[in-house]
Protein backbone atom coordinates (compact mmCIF):
# COMPACT_ATOMS: atom_id res chain seq x y z
CA MET A 1 -4.08 43.83 7.05
CA ASN A 2 -3.51 40.84 9.24
CA ALA A 3 -6.64 40.10 10.90
CA LYS A 4 -6.52 36.97 13.05
CA ILE A 5 -8.70 34.38 12.35
CA PRO A 6 -10.96 33.10 15.17
CA ALA A 7 -10.29 29.38 16.30
CA SER A 8 -13.83 28.35 15.52
CA ARG A 9 -13.28 29.28 11.87
CA LEU A 10 -10.31 27.06 11.61
CA THR A 11 -12.36 24.02 13.09
CA GLY A 12 -15.41 24.92 11.81
CA PRO A 13 -17.85 22.38 10.00
CA ARG A 14 -16.65 23.29 6.51
CA LEU A 15 -13.09 21.91 7.68
CA VAL A 16 -13.99 19.42 10.14
CA GLY A 17 -16.54 17.37 7.94
CA PRO A 18 -14.22 16.80 5.02
CA ARG A 19 -11.66 15.77 7.39
CA LEU A 20 -13.93 13.40 9.33
CA THR A 21 -14.98 11.82 6.10
CA GLY A 22 -11.53 11.53 4.95
CA ILE A 23 -10.09 9.78 8.14
CA ALA A 24 -13.47 7.22 7.64
CA CYS A 25 -12.50 6.84 4.04
CA MET A 26 -8.78 5.76 5.20
CA VAL A 27 -10.10 3.52 8.09
CA ALA A 28 -12.38 1.83 5.59
CA ALA A 29 -9.61 1.61 2.95
CA THR A 30 -7.33 0.01 5.67
CA SER A 31 -9.88 -2.51 6.77
CA VAL A 32 -10.73 -3.51 2.91
CA PHE A 33 -6.85 -4.01 2.39
CA ALA A 34 -6.38 -6.09 5.59
CA THR A 35 -9.28 -8.18 4.38
CA MET A 36 -8.02 -8.28 0.83
CA ASP A 37 -4.64 -9.71 2.39
CA ALA A 38 -6.39 -12.45 4.55
CA LEU A 39 -7.97 -13.55 1.49
CA VAL A 40 -4.56 -13.81 -0.40
CA LYS A 41 -3.08 -15.93 2.42
CA TRP A 42 -5.86 -18.10 2.55
CA LEU A 43 -5.90 -18.68 -1.30
CA VAL A 44 -2.25 -18.80 -1.96
CA ALA A 45 -2.22 -21.80 0.02
CA GLY A 46 -4.08 -24.00 -2.46
CA TYR A 47 -3.62 -21.41 -5.72
CA PRO A 48 -0.14 -20.28 -7.62
CA VAL A 49 0.62 -16.64 -6.87
CA ILE A 50 0.25 -15.67 -10.40
CA GLN A 51 -3.36 -16.88 -10.71
CA VAL A 52 -4.42 -14.74 -7.48
CA MET A 53 -2.34 -11.98 -9.04
CA ALA A 54 -4.45 -12.33 -12.26
CA PHE A 55 -7.77 -12.18 -10.25
CA ARG A 56 -6.51 -9.27 -8.30
CA SER A 57 -5.58 -7.27 -11.70
CA ALA A 58 -8.97 -8.22 -13.47
CA PHE A 59 -11.38 -7.75 -11.09
CA ALA A 60 -9.83 -4.30 -9.79
CA LEU A 61 -10.92 -3.31 -13.22
CA VAL A 62 -14.42 -3.92 -12.60
CA VAL A 63 -14.40 -1.05 -9.73
CA VAL A 64 -12.26 1.28 -11.68
CA LEU A 65 -14.33 1.05 -14.93
CA PRO A 66 -17.38 2.81 -13.18
CA VAL A 67 -15.40 5.45 -12.07
CA LEU A 68 -13.74 6.26 -15.32
CA TRP A 69 -17.45 5.96 -16.92
CA MET A 70 -18.57 8.63 -14.71
CA THR A 71 -15.56 10.95 -15.12
CA GLY A 72 -15.04 10.43 -18.65
CA PHE A 73 -12.74 7.84 -20.54
CA LYS A 74 -10.63 11.02 -22.12
CA GLN A 75 -8.91 10.46 -18.63
CA LEU A 76 -7.16 7.56 -19.96
CA ALA A 77 -5.02 9.71 -22.53
CA THR A 78 -1.38 10.30 -21.50
CA THR A 79 1.69 11.36 -22.76
CA ARG A 80 3.85 9.16 -20.47
CA LYS A 81 3.45 5.57 -21.65
CA TRP A 82 6.74 4.22 -20.74
CA ALA A 83 6.33 5.50 -17.08
CA HIS A 84 2.97 3.85 -16.83
CA LEU A 85 4.61 0.62 -18.32
CA LEU A 86 7.55 0.85 -15.94
CA ARG A 87 5.13 1.58 -12.92
CA SER A 88 2.99 -1.25 -13.93
CA LEU A 89 5.92 -3.71 -14.10
CA ILE A 90 7.44 -2.67 -11.12
CA GLY A 91 4.04 -2.82 -9.28
CA LEU A 92 3.04 -6.06 -10.48
CA ILE A 93 6.79 -7.76 -9.23
CA ALA A 94 6.05 -5.89 -5.88
CA ILE A 95 2.54 -7.53 -5.44
CA GLY A 96 4.02 -11.06 -6.51
CA CYS A 97 6.72 -10.45 -3.82
CA PHE A 98 3.93 -9.76 -1.21
CA PHE A 99 1.64 -12.57 -1.95
CA GLN A 100 4.55 -14.79 -1.70
CA ALA A 101 5.52 -13.47 1.78
CA LEU A 102 1.80 -14.05 2.76
CA ASP A 103 2.12 -17.60 1.64
CA ASP A 104 5.24 -18.17 3.89
CA LEU A 105 4.77 -15.75 6.92
CA PRO A 106 2.22 -14.77 9.42
CA LEU A 107 -0.01 -11.89 8.30
CA ALA A 108 1.03 -9.30 10.83
CA GLN A 109 4.64 -10.19 10.13
CA VAL A 110 4.41 -9.26 6.68
CA THR A 111 2.41 -5.99 7.59
CA GLY A 112 5.00 -4.74 9.91
CA ILE A 113 7.50 -4.91 7.30
CA PHE A 114 5.44 -3.26 4.99
CA PHE A 115 5.27 -0.38 7.20
CA ALA A 116 8.77 0.47 6.40
CA ALA A 117 7.80 1.51 2.50
CA PRO A 118 7.21 5.13 3.36
CA LEU A 119 10.91 5.50 5.41
CA MET A 120 12.26 3.87 2.06
CA MET A 121 10.52 6.38 0.02
CA THR A 122 12.28 9.19 1.58
CA ALA A 123 15.66 7.56 1.13
CA LEU A 124 14.56 6.62 -2.68
CA SER A 125 13.50 10.40 -3.28
CA VAL A 126 17.15 11.65 -2.95
CA PRO A 127 18.69 9.57 -6.05
CA LEU A 128 15.18 9.32 -8.13
CA LEU A 129 13.59 12.76 -7.54
CA LYS A 130 16.58 15.08 -6.41
CA GLU A 131 14.71 15.81 -3.23
CA LYS A 132 16.81 16.88 -0.26
CA VAL A 133 16.45 15.09 3.04
CA GLY A 134 18.09 16.76 6.06
CA PRO A 135 19.87 14.70 9.03
CA ARG A 136 16.58 14.55 11.13
CA ARG A 137 14.81 12.67 8.69
CA TRP A 138 17.86 10.21 7.76
CA VAL A 139 18.22 9.47 11.51
CA ALA A 140 14.31 8.67 11.60
CA VAL A 141 14.93 6.42 8.35
CA ALA A 142 17.90 4.81 9.98
CA VAL A 143 16.03 3.99 13.45
CA GLY A 144 13.20 2.90 11.28
CA PHE A 145 15.04 0.14 9.46
CA LEU A 146 16.46 -1.01 12.70
CA GLY A 147 12.66 -1.83 13.46
CA VAL A 148 12.97 -3.81 10.41
CA LEU A 149 15.54 -5.82 11.66
CA LEU A 150 13.58 -6.43 14.74
CA ILE A 151 10.87 -8.03 12.86
CA VAL A 152 13.50 -9.86 10.31
CA ARG A 153 15.65 -11.10 13.60
CA PRO A 154 18.80 -11.92 11.17
CA ASP A 155 20.27 -13.05 14.33
CA ARG A 156 18.03 -15.97 15.02
CA ALA A 157 18.01 -17.61 11.47
CA VAL A 158 19.17 -17.27 8.09
CA LEU A 159 16.93 -15.34 5.69
CA ASN A 160 14.22 -17.11 4.28
CA GLY A 161 12.52 -17.00 1.36
CA GLY A 162 9.29 -15.25 2.96
CA MET A 163 11.23 -12.68 4.70
CA ALA A 164 13.33 -11.91 1.45
CA ALA A 165 10.07 -11.70 -0.53
CA ALA A 166 8.73 -9.29 1.79
CA LEU A 167 11.58 -6.90 1.96
CA ALA A 168 11.85 -7.02 -1.77
CA GLY A 169 8.21 -6.40 -2.08
CA THR A 170 8.65 -3.51 0.20
CA VAL A 171 11.42 -1.89 -1.48
CA LEU A 172 9.69 -2.09 -4.92
CA TYR A 173 6.61 -0.54 -3.48
CA ALA A 174 8.62 2.20 -2.29
CA VAL A 175 9.93 2.35 -5.93
CA VAL A 176 6.65 2.39 -7.31
CA MET A 177 5.30 5.29 -4.73
CA VAL A 178 8.29 7.42 -5.73
CA LEU A 179 7.34 7.00 -9.28
CA ILE A 180 3.67 7.67 -8.67
CA ARG A 181 4.69 10.83 -6.81
CA ASP A 182 6.68 12.09 -10.19
CA MET A 183 3.95 11.24 -12.33
CA SER A 184 1.15 12.64 -10.44
CA ARG A 185 2.49 15.93 -11.65
CA THR A 186 1.12 15.30 -14.93
CA GLU A 187 -1.11 12.37 -14.67
CA LYS A 188 -4.51 12.01 -12.82
CA THR A 189 -5.11 9.33 -9.95
CA VAL A 190 -7.49 7.19 -12.07
CA THR A 191 -5.32 7.30 -14.94
CA ILE A 192 -2.56 5.79 -13.22
CA VAL A 193 -4.57 3.33 -11.35
CA PHE A 194 -6.37 2.21 -15.00
CA TRP A 195 -3.24 1.69 -16.77
CA PHE A 196 -1.61 -0.20 -13.79
CA SER A 197 -4.54 -2.64 -13.59
CA PHE A 198 -4.91 -3.05 -17.18
CA ALA A 199 -1.24 -3.61 -17.83
CA SER A 200 -0.97 -6.11 -14.84
CA THR A 201 -3.97 -7.95 -16.09
CA LEU A 202 -2.44 -8.40 -19.55
CA VAL A 203 1.05 -9.82 -18.02
CA SER A 204 -0.39 -11.79 -15.46
CA GLY A 205 -3.37 -12.96 -17.19
CA ALA A 206 -0.81 -14.25 -19.96
CA LEU A 207 1.19 -16.05 -17.38
CA ALA A 208 -1.47 -17.44 -15.23
CA PRO A 209 -2.98 -20.36 -17.80
CA TRP A 210 0.44 -21.93 -17.41
CA HIS A 211 -0.03 -22.59 -13.98
CA TRP A 212 -3.74 -22.44 -13.49
CA VAL A 213 -5.39 -24.74 -10.79
CA PRO A 214 -9.16 -24.79 -11.59
CA PRO A 215 -11.06 -22.76 -8.79
CA THR A 216 -14.25 -24.05 -7.06
CA GLY A 217 -17.27 -22.10 -6.99
CA LEU A 218 -16.67 -20.45 -3.52
CA ASP A 219 -12.94 -20.05 -4.31
CA PHE A 220 -13.77 -18.39 -7.42
CA ALA A 221 -15.94 -15.94 -5.58
CA LEU A 222 -13.10 -15.43 -2.98
CA LEU A 223 -10.62 -14.78 -5.88
CA ALA A 224 -12.80 -12.36 -7.62
CA ALA A 225 -13.24 -10.56 -4.29
CA VAL A 226 -9.46 -10.27 -3.62
CA GLY A 227 -9.77 -7.84 -6.89
CA LEU A 228 -12.69 -6.15 -6.15
CA LEU A 229 -11.58 -5.14 -2.64
CA GLY A 230 -8.07 -4.39 -4.16
CA GLY A 231 -9.77 -1.63 -6.45
CA ALA A 232 -12.11 -0.46 -3.81
CA GLY A 233 -9.25 0.09 -1.33
CA GLN A 234 -7.49 2.10 -3.58
CA LEU A 235 -10.39 4.22 -4.58
CA LEU A 236 -11.08 4.80 -0.85
CA ALA A 237 -7.68 5.73 0.10
CA THR A 238 -7.42 8.09 -3.08
CA GLN A 239 -10.72 9.87 -1.76
CA ALA A 240 -8.96 10.17 1.72
CA VAL A 241 -6.28 12.03 0.49
CA ARG A 242 -8.66 14.49 -1.23
CA LEU A 243 -10.99 15.00 1.47
CA ALA A 244 -7.93 15.46 4.16
CA PRO A 245 -4.41 16.42 4.14
CA VAL A 246 -2.06 13.10 4.19
CA SER A 247 -0.56 13.99 7.52
CA VAL A 248 -4.12 13.96 9.00
CA VAL A 249 -5.26 10.53 7.23
CA ALA A 250 -2.07 8.76 6.90
CA PRO A 251 -1.53 7.81 10.49
CA PHE A 252 -4.98 5.87 10.44
CA ASP A 253 -3.26 3.69 7.73
CA TYR A 254 -1.37 1.82 10.70
CA LEU A 255 -4.85 0.21 11.78
CA HIS A 256 -3.63 -2.07 9.27
CA LEU A 257 -1.61 -3.92 11.76
CA VAL A 258 -4.50 -4.16 14.33
CA PHE A 259 -6.68 -5.92 11.42
CA ALA A 260 -4.02 -7.87 10.29
CA THR A 261 -3.34 -9.02 13.86
CA GLY A 262 -7.05 -10.08 14.24
CA TYR A 263 -7.05 -12.04 11.15
CA GLY A 264 -4.17 -13.64 11.79
CA TRP A 265 -5.30 -14.83 15.20
CA ALA A 266 -8.84 -15.54 14.01
CA LEU A 267 -8.02 -17.79 10.95
CA TRP A 268 -4.30 -19.13 11.53
CA HIS A 269 -4.11 -18.70 15.41
CA ASP A 270 -1.02 -16.68 14.63
CA TRP A 271 -0.20 -13.93 17.34
CA PRO A 272 2.63 -11.52 16.55
CA SER A 273 6.08 -12.14 18.45
CA LEU A 274 7.05 -9.35 20.87
CA SER A 275 9.94 -8.66 17.98
CA THR A 276 7.31 -7.92 15.56
CA LEU A 277 5.35 -5.92 17.71
CA ALA A 278 8.33 -3.97 19.16
CA GLY A 279 9.84 -3.84 15.40
CA SER A 280 6.41 -2.63 14.02
CA ALA A 281 6.28 0.05 16.74
CA VAL A 282 9.65 1.34 16.05
CA ILE A 283 8.67 1.94 12.23
CA MET A 284 5.33 3.55 13.06
CA VAL A 285 7.04 6.09 15.34
CA CYS A 286 9.54 6.93 12.80
CA GLY A 287 7.42 6.95 9.75
CA LEU A 288 4.85 9.13 11.77
CA TYR A 289 8.00 11.35 12.68
CA VAL A 290 9.05 11.55 8.89
CA LEU A 291 5.47 12.42 7.87
CA HIS A 292 5.13 15.23 10.62
CA ARG A 293 8.52 16.79 9.24
CA GLU A 294 7.16 16.62 5.84
CA ALA A 295 3.80 18.13 6.53
CA GLN A 296 5.64 21.11 8.36
CA GLY A 297 7.66 21.50 5.04
CA ARG A 298 10.73 21.21 6.49
CA GLY A 299 13.45 19.02 4.88
CA ASP A 300 15.53 18.37 8.08
């Protein structure tokens, strides 16, 4: 018997409440990550990138460990050690690329390029996960890459180090997300987050002493805040997608550009160029279209 479900049942408190909470968590995560990015840009002007990365990794563990304490350390058990190692190494390099890009480019410009990651994930899912992507989504990916070109503006100047770092970081981040999508079939989120933070702490911690610049009291607090914000942002984003469908919360991640633009204007008097805003808009529209098709379960 196919009884029709009243509309009130579909939008009742039991469904609306968790979705609103999920949206709030995603907005909070977005603001936290934007604040972390602003702190990183401020700090890499006076400290080596690898040192900032070491603080980012180590203090993220401070946030993750209490979660493990509450949920049980047995979640650290894994049969995919090599997958965690690969994800951690690629993720660490991606973070290094982004931090370097933040040192060279305006905050909003790096953020705009980063928005291409979901489109790259769609393209990479074909060779890496053997997923099927139809012609409509391929068109969206191609148009999204044109948006990246609007931001990079290769017609104006030779690709500089900051642009190259931002593009490389975006590609590597997309690879990481594809790997996580595959790993999440057998691994818990907290397991993936912990082993990444642990491995990146070991690697960056081993390299940082060779480039160490003694931080002042205030800068030490800011460096620690980078890690705490990074860990908190990961947990908030994870909670968001647990409480509400990805198609509901993911669009709010684009508020990152609003926060990044605000920080850039307030701290460095940077205002994104028209080409950066136009390119970011193109990437957002294409990303939302791909997300919409995936939410509907359509591979075309």
